[in-house]
PDB file of N, CA and C in Angstrom:
ATOM      1  N   MET A   1       0.854  -1.157   0.024  1.00  0.00           N
ATOM      2  CA  MET A   1      -0.043  -0.019  -0.054  1.00  0.00           C
ATOM      3  C   MET A   1       0.887   1.247   0.007  1.00  0.00           C
ATOM      4  N   VAL A   2       0.449   2.233  -0.561  1.00  0.00           N
ATOM      5  CA  VAL A   2       1.204   3.438  -0.867  1.00  0.00           C
ATOM      6  C   VAL A   2       0.766   4.469   0.175  1.00  0.00           C
ATOM      7  N   ASN A   3       1.644   5.131   0.920  1.00  0.00           N
ATOM      8  CA  ASN A   3       1.370   6.199   1.889  1.00  0.00           C
ATOM      9  C   ASN A   3       1.829   7.454   1.214  1.00  0.00           C
ATOM     10  N   ALA A   4       0.871   8.345   1.050  1.00  0.00           N
ATOM     11  CA  ALA A   4       1.188   9.717   0.490  1.00  0.00           C
ATOM     12  C   ALA A   4       0.993  10.839   1.556  1.00  0.00           C
ATOM     13  N   ILE A   5       1.890  11.753   1.463  1.00  0.00           N
ATOM     14  CA  ILE A   5       1.872  12.855   2.409  1.00  0.00           C
ATOM     15  C   ILE A   5       1.917  14.123   1.580  1.00  0.00           C
ATOM     16  N   LYS A   6       0.908  15.030   1.901  1.00  0.00           N
ATOM     17  CA  LYS A   6       0.838  16.319   1.241  1.00  0.00           C
ATOM     18  C   LYS A   6       1.953  17.207   1.755  1.00  0.00           C
ATOM     19  N   GLY A   7       2.735  17.828   0.978  1.00  0.00           N
ATOM     20  CA  GLY A   7       3.737  18.740   1.361  1.00  0.00           C
ATOM     21  C   GLY A   7       4.197  19.716   0.385  1.00  0.00           C
ATOM     22  N   LEU A   8       5.191  20.472   0.715  1.00  0.00           N
ATOM     23  CA  LEU A   8       5.694  21.590  -0.085  1.00  0.00           C
ATOM     24  C   LEU A   8       7.196  21.225  -0.318  1.00  0.00           C
ATOM     25  N   PHE A   9       7.510  21.279  -1.680  1.00  0.00           N
ATOM     26  CA  PHE A   9       8.922  20.934  -2.101  1.00  0.00           C
ATOM     27  C   PHE A   9       9.589  22.352  -2.185  1.00  0.00           C
ATOM     28  N   ILE A  10      10.727  22.445  -1.453  1.00  0.00           N
ATOM     29  CA  ILE A  10      11.478  23.713  -1.393  1.00  0.00           C
ATOM     30  C   ILE A  10      12.779  23.580  -2.133  1.00  0.00           C
ATOM     31  N   THR A  11      13.142  24.340  -3.043  1.00  0.00           N
ATOM     32  CA  THR A  11      14.473  24.416  -3.577  1.00  0.00           C
ATOM     33  C   THR A  11      15.127  25.659  -3.222  1.00  0.00           C
ATOM     34  N   CYS A  12      16.378  25.642  -2.683  1.00  0.00           N
ATOM     35  CA  CYS A  12      17.077  26.876  -2.326  1.00  0.00           C
ATOM     36  C   CYS A  12      18.580  26.562  -2.245  1.00  0.00           C
ATOM     37  N   ASP A  13      19.285  27.613  -1.924  1.00  0.00           N
ATOM     38  CA  ASP A  13      20.700  27.397  -1.956  1.00  0.00           C
ATOM     39  C   ASP A  13      21.088  26.778  -0.491  1.00  0.00           C
ATOM     40  N   VAL A  14      22.275  26.422  -0.374  1.00  0.00           N
ATOM     41  CA  VAL A  14      22.773  25.660   0.731  1.00  0.00           C
ATOM     42  C   VAL A  14      22.527  26.428   2.111  1.00  0.00           C
ATOM     43  N   PRO A  15      23.027  27.696   2.103  1.00  0.00           N
ATOM     44  CA  PRO A  15      22.821  28.541   3.441  1.00  0.00           C
ATOM     45  C   PRO A  15      21.311  28.578   3.800  1.00  0.00           C
ATOM     46  N   MET A  16      20.508  28.770   2.880  1.00  0.00           N
ATOM     47  CA  MET A  16      19.028  29.057   3.115  1.00  0.00           C
ATOM     48  C   MET A  16      18.426  27.680   3.678  1.00  0.00           C
ATOM     49  N   ALA A  17      18.946  26.556   3.098  1.00  0.00           N
ATOM     50  CA  ALA A  17      18.471  25.270   3.527  1.00  0.00           C
ATOM     51  C   ALA A  17      18.818  25.155   4.975  1.00  0.00           C
ATOM     52  N   GLN A  18      20.108  25.498   5.273  1.00  0.00           N
ATOM     53  CA  GLN A  18      20.589  25.228   6.675  1.00  0.00           C
ATOM     54  C   GLN A  18      19.794  26.191   7.656  1.00  0.00           C
ATOM     55  N   PHE A  19      19.481  27.282   7.172  1.00  0.00           N
ATOM     56  CA  PHE A  19      18.665  28.211   8.026  1.00  0.00           C
ATOM     57  C   PHE A  19      17.299  27.525   8.328  1.00  0.00           C
ATOM     58  N   ILE A  20      16.681  26.992   7.343  1.00  0.00           N
ATOM     59  CA  ILE A  20      15.327  26.324   7.398  1.00  0.00           C
ATOM     60  C   ILE A  20      15.580  25.076   8.373  1.00  0.00           C
ATOM     61  N   ILE A  21      16.600  24.336   8.258  1.00  0.00           N
ATOM     62  CA  ILE A  21      16.897  23.101   9.035  1.00  0.00           C
ATOM     63  C   ILE A  21      17.070  23.462  10.511  1.00  0.00           C
ATOM     64  N   ASN A  22      17.766  24.575  10.759  1.00  0.00           N
ATOM     65  CA  ASN A  22      18.033  25.005  12.079  1.00  0.00           C
ATOM     66  C   ASN A  22      16.733  25.531  12.763  1.00  0.00           C
ATOM     67  N   MET A  23      15.944  26.273  11.912  1.00  0.00           N
ATOM     68  CA  MET A  23      14.706  26.718  12.411  1.00  0.00           C
ATOM     69  C   MET A  23      13.833  25.550  12.907  1.00  0.00           C
ATOM     70  N   ASN A  24      13.838  24.505  12.097  1.00  0.00           N
ATOM     71  CA  ASN A  24      13.076  23.219  12.452  1.00  0.00           C
ATOM     72  C   ASN A  24      13.585  22.652  13.640  1.00  0.00           C
ATOM     73  N   ALA A  25      14.923  22.641  13.758  1.00  0.00           N
ATOM     74  CA  ALA A  25      15.480  21.929  14.973  1.00  0.00           C
ATOM     75  C   ALA A  25      15.236  22.709  16.173  1.00  0.00           C
ATOM     76  N   ALA A  26      14.967  23.944  16.183  1.00  0.00           N
ATOM     77  CA  ALA A  26      14.760  24.831  17.396  1.00  0.00           C
ATOM     78  C   ALA A  26      13.267  24.551  17.925  1.00  0.00           C
ATOM     79  N   LEU A  27      12.442  23.926  17.179  1.00  0.00           N
ATOM     80  CA  LEU A  27      10.982  23.729  17.579  1.00  0.00           C
ATOM     81  C   LEU A  27      10.924  22.460  18.394  1.00  0.00           C
ATOM     82  N   PRO A  28       9.858  22.360  19.180  1.00  0.00           N
ATOM     83  CA  PRO A  28       9.544  21.115  19.822  1.00  0.00           C
ATOM     84  C   PRO A  28       9.229  19.965  18.884  1.00  0.00           C
ATOM     85  N   GLN A  29       9.319  18.796  19.258  1.00  0.00           N
ATOM     86  CA  GLN A  29       9.121  17.648  18.431  1.00  0.00           C
ATOM     87  C   GLN A  29       7.665  17.705  17.728  1.00  0.00           C
ATOM     88  N   SER A  30       6.616  18.147  18.487  1.00  0.00           N
ATOM     89  CA  SER A  30       5.309  18.122  17.966  1.00  0.00           C
ATOM     90  C   SER A  30       5.117  19.209  16.812  1.00  0.00           C
ATOM     91  N   GLN A  31       5.963  20.227  16.817  1.00  0.00           N
ATOM     92  CA  GLN A  31       5.863  21.296  15.765  1.00  0.00           C
ATOM     93  C   GLN A  31       6.848  21.298  14.698  1.00  0.00           C
ATOM     94  N   LYS A  32       7.776  20.289  14.488  1.00  0.00           N
ATOM     95  CA  LYS A  32       8.650  20.089  13.506  1.00  0.00           C
ATOM     96  C   LYS A  32       7.952  19.927  12.138  1.00  0.00           C
ATOM     97  N   PHE A  33       8.495  20.553  11.149  1.00  0.00           N
ATOM     98  CA  PHE A  33       7.816  20.758   9.882  1.00  0.00           C
ATOM     99  C   PHE A  33       8.420  20.015   8.701  1.00  0.00           C
ATOM    100  N   ILE A  34       9.790  19.662   8.824  1.00  0.00           N
ATOM    101  CA  ILE A  34      10.487  18.982   7.789  1.00  0.00           C
ATOM    102  C   ILE A  34      10.056  17.601   7.785  1.00  0.00           C
ATOM    103  N   ILE A  35       9.588  17.121   6.605  1.00  0.00           N
ATOM    104  CA  ILE A  35       9.143  15.733   6.405  1.00  0.00           C
ATOM    105  C   ILE A  35      10.445  14.933   5.894  1.00  0.00           C
ATOM    106  N   HIS A  36      11.174  15.476   4.998  1.00  0.00           N
ATOM    107  CA  HIS A  36      12.363  14.808   4.534  1.00  0.00           C
ATOM    108  C   HIS A  36      13.388  15.795   3.944  1.00  0.00           C
ATOM    109  N   ILE A  37      14.624  15.681   4.237  1.00  0.00           N
ATOM    110  CA  ILE A  37      15.663  16.436   3.666  1.00  0.00           C
ATOM    111  C   ILE A  37      16.230  15.606   2.412  1.00  0.00           C
ATOM    112  N   LEU A  38      15.963  16.040   1.227  1.00  0.00           N
ATOM    113  CA  LEU A  38      16.248  15.281   0.049  1.00  0.00           C
ATOM    114  C   LEU A  38      17.758  15.330  -0.333  1.00  0.00           C
ATOM    115  N   ASP A  39      18.331  16.606  -0.273  1.00  0.00           N
ATOM    116  CA  ASP A  39      19.815  16.795  -0.422  1.00  0.00           C
ATOM    117  C   ASP A  39      20.038  18.167   0.091  1.00  0.00           C
ATOM    118  N   ASN A  40      21.249  18.771  -0.252  1.00  0.00           N
ATOM    119  CA  ASN A  40      21.725  19.946   0.324  1.00  0.00           C
ATOM    120  C   ASN A  40      20.808  21.284  -0.085  1.00  0.00           C
ATOM    121  N   THR A  41      20.140  21.122  -1.140  1.00  0.00           N
ATOM    122  CA  THR A  41      19.367  22.212  -1.675  1.00  0.00           C
ATOM    123  C   THR A  41      17.888  21.963  -1.812  1.00  0.00           C
ATOM    124  N   HIS A  42      17.359  20.812  -1.443  1.00  0.00           N
ATOM    125  CA  HIS A  42      15.945  20.450  -1.548  1.00  0.00           C
ATOM    126  C   HIS A  42      15.404  19.838  -0.263  1.00  0.00           C
ATOM    127  N   LEU A  43      14.202  20.338   0.122  1.00  0.00           N
ATOM    128  CA  LEU A  43      13.597  20.078   1.310  1.00  0.00           C
ATOM    129  C   LEU A  43      12.113  19.688   1.013  1.00  0.00           C
ATOM    130  N   PHE A  44      11.543  18.792   1.806  1.00  0.00           N
ATOM    131  CA  PHE A  44      10.178  18.399   1.535  1.00  0.00           C
ATOM    132  C   PHE A  44       9.534  18.818   3.042  1.00  0.00           C
ATOM    133  N   VAL A  45       8.573  19.723   3.118  1.00  0.00           N
ATOM    134  CA  VAL A  45       8.069  20.168   4.280  1.00  0.00           C
ATOM    135  C   VAL A  45       6.554  20.121   4.401  1.00  0.00           C
ATOM    136  N   ARG A  46       5.958  20.258   5.519  1.00  0.00           N
ATOM    137  CA  ARG A  46       4.531  20.259   5.539  1.00  0.00           C
ATOM    138  C   ARG A  46       4.028  21.546   4.926  1.00  0.00           C
ATOM    139  N   SER A  47       2.920  21.394   4.193  1.00  0.00           N
ATOM    140  CA  SER A  47       2.426  22.487   3.406  1.00  0.00           C
ATOM    141  C   SER A  47       1.829  23.571   4.264  1.00  0.00           C
ATOM    142  N   ASP A  48       1.401  23.403   5.500  1.00  0.00           N
ATOM    143  CA  ASP A  48       0.719  24.399   6.267  1.00  0.00           C
ATOM    144  C   ASP A  48       1.701  25.369   6.900  1.00  0.00           C
ATOM    145  N   VAL A  49       3.061  25.132   6.741  1.00  0.00           N
ATOM    146  CA  VAL A  49       4.000  26.032   7.375  1.00  0.00           C
ATOM    147  C   VAL A  49       4.644  27.001   6.387  1.00  0.00           C
ATOM    148  N   ALA A  50       4.174  27.075   5.135  1.00  0.00           N
ATOM    149  CA  ALA A  50       4.766  27.974   4.056  1.00  0.00           C
ATOM    150  C   ALA A  50       4.857  29.317   4.522  1.00  0.00           C
ATOM    151  N   GLY A  51       3.775  29.886   5.053  1.00  0.00           N
ATOM    152  CA  GLY A  51       3.759  31.268   5.480  1.00  0.00           C
ATOM    153  C   GLY A  51       4.761  31.514   6.626  1.00  0.00           C
ATOM    154  N   MET A  52       4.814  30.513   7.487  1.00  0.00           N
ATOM    155  CA  MET A  52       5.938  30.793   8.660  1.00  0.00           C
ATOM    156  C   MET A  52       7.233  30.768   8.042  1.00  0.00           C
ATOM    157  N   ILE A  53       7.485  29.983   7.160  1.00  0.00           N
ATOM    158  CA  ILE A  53       8.977  29.884   6.550  1.00  0.00           C
ATOM    159  C   ILE A  53       9.249  31.130   5.811  1.00  0.00           C
ATOM    160  N   ARG A  54       8.240  31.569   5.029  1.00  0.00           N
ATOM    161  CA  ARG A  54       8.493  32.892   4.268  1.00  0.00           C
ATOM    162  C   ARG A  54       8.696  34.087   5.168  1.00  0.00           C
ATOM    163  N   SER A  55       7.940  34.125   6.288  1.00  0.00           N
ATOM    164  CA  SER A  55       8.038  35.348   7.135  1.00  0.00           C
ATOM    165  C   SER A  55       9.462  35.203   7.871  1.00  0.00           C
ATOM    166  N   ALA A  56       9.807  33.990   8.296  1.00  0.00           N
ATOM    167  CA  ALA A  56      11.144  33.831   8.984  1.00  0.00           C
ATOM    168  C   ALA A  56      12.341  34.231   8.069  1.00  0.00           C
ATOM    169  N   ILE A  57      12.231  33.834   6.871  1.00  0.00           N
ATOM    170  CA  ILE A  57      13.220  34.238   5.846  1.00  0.00           C
ATOM    171  C   ILE A  57      13.186  35.664   5.626  1.00  0.00           C
ATOM    172  N   ALA A  58      12.064  36.277   5.482  1.00  0.00           N
ATOM    173  CA  ALA A  58      11.924  37.717   5.329  1.00  0.00           C
ATOM    174  C   ALA A  58      12.609  38.477   6.443  1.00  0.00           C
ATOM    175  N   ASP A  59      12.370  38.025   7.708  1.00  0.00           N
ATOM    176  CA  ASP A  59      12.906  38.668   8.936  1.00  0.00           C
ATOM    177  C   ASP A  59      14.391  38.480   8.945  1.00  0.00           C
ATOM    178  N   PHE A  60      14.934  37.254   8.514  1.00  0.00           N
ATOM    179  CA  PHE A  60      16.334  36.914   8.545  1.00  0.00           C
ATOM    180  C   PHE A  60      17.114  37.920   7.539  1.00  0.00           C
ATOM    181  N   ARG A  61      16.469  38.128   6.269  1.00  0.00           N
ATOM    182  CA  ARG A  61      17.125  38.856   5.268  1.00  0.00           C
ATOM    183  C   ARG A  61      17.028  40.405   5.714  1.00  0.00           C
ATOM    184  N   GLU A  62      15.994  40.778   6.351  1.00  0.00           N
ATOM    185  CA  GLU A  62      15.891  42.195   6.833  1.00  0.00           C
ATOM    186  C   GLU A  62      16.909  42.531   7.870  1.00  0.00           C
ATOM    187  N   GLN A  63      17.225  41.514   8.862  1.00  0.00           N
ATOM    188  CA  GLN A  63      18.235  41.687   9.827  1.00  0.00           C
ATOM    189  C   GLN A  63      19.605  41.781   9.253  1.00  0.00           C
ATOM    190  N   ASN A  64      19.901  41.045   8.106  1.00  0.00           N
ATOM    191  CA  ASN A  64      21.208  40.902   7.489  1.00  0.00           C
ATOM    192  C   ASN A  64      21.396  41.791   6.281  1.00  0.00           C
ATOM    193  N   THR A  65      20.663  42.892   6.119  1.00  0.00           N
ATOM    194  CA  THR A  65      20.745  43.727   5.095  1.00  0.00           C
ATOM    195  C   THR A  65      21.675  44.938   5.504  1.00  0.00           C
ATOM    196  N   TYR A  66      22.652  45.248   4.733  1.00  0.00           N
ATOM    197  CA  TYR A  66      23.572  46.328   5.022  1.00  0.00           C
ATOM    198  C   TYR A  66      22.848  47.699   4.730  1.00  0.00           C
ATOM    199  N   GLU A  67      22.838  48.584   5.762  1.00  0.00           N
ATOM    200  CA  GLU A  67      22.339  49.875   5.546  1.00  0.00           C
ATOM    201  C   GLU A  67      23.429  50.881   5.740  1.00  0.00           C
ATOM    202  N   LYS A  68      23.667  51.716   4.746  1.00  0.00           N
ATOM    203  CA  LYS A  68      24.771  52.678   4.798  1.00  0.00           C
ATOM    204  C   LYS A  68      24.455  53.670   5.968  1.00  0.00           C
ATOM    205  N   PRO A  69      25.504  53.957   6.855  1.00  0.00           N
ATOM    206  CA  PRO A  69      25.342  54.861   7.845  1.00  0.00           C
ATOM    207  C   PRO A  69      24.977  56.238   7.335  1.00  0.00           C
ATOM    208  N   SER A  70      24.213  57.057   8.161  1.00  0.00           N
ATOM    209  CA  SER A  70      23.884  58.409   7.585  1.00  0.00           C
ATOM    210  C   SER A  70      24.980  59.291   8.015  1.00  0.00           C
TER     211      SER A  70
END
């Protein structure tokens, strides 16, 4: 019998994949969202966490953006 899981396929560069993996590792076991790490740049995650991942990435990028001093 085949078991199917609905999820979201993420393709990204290695640093962003590590960011997502570390974000997942910081959560309690009941809230972990990575279903399978396919390779260094591809992840399969639960589809209901897409918004959370996008907002965490947006916050991360905003914190790491260089702003020229006035």
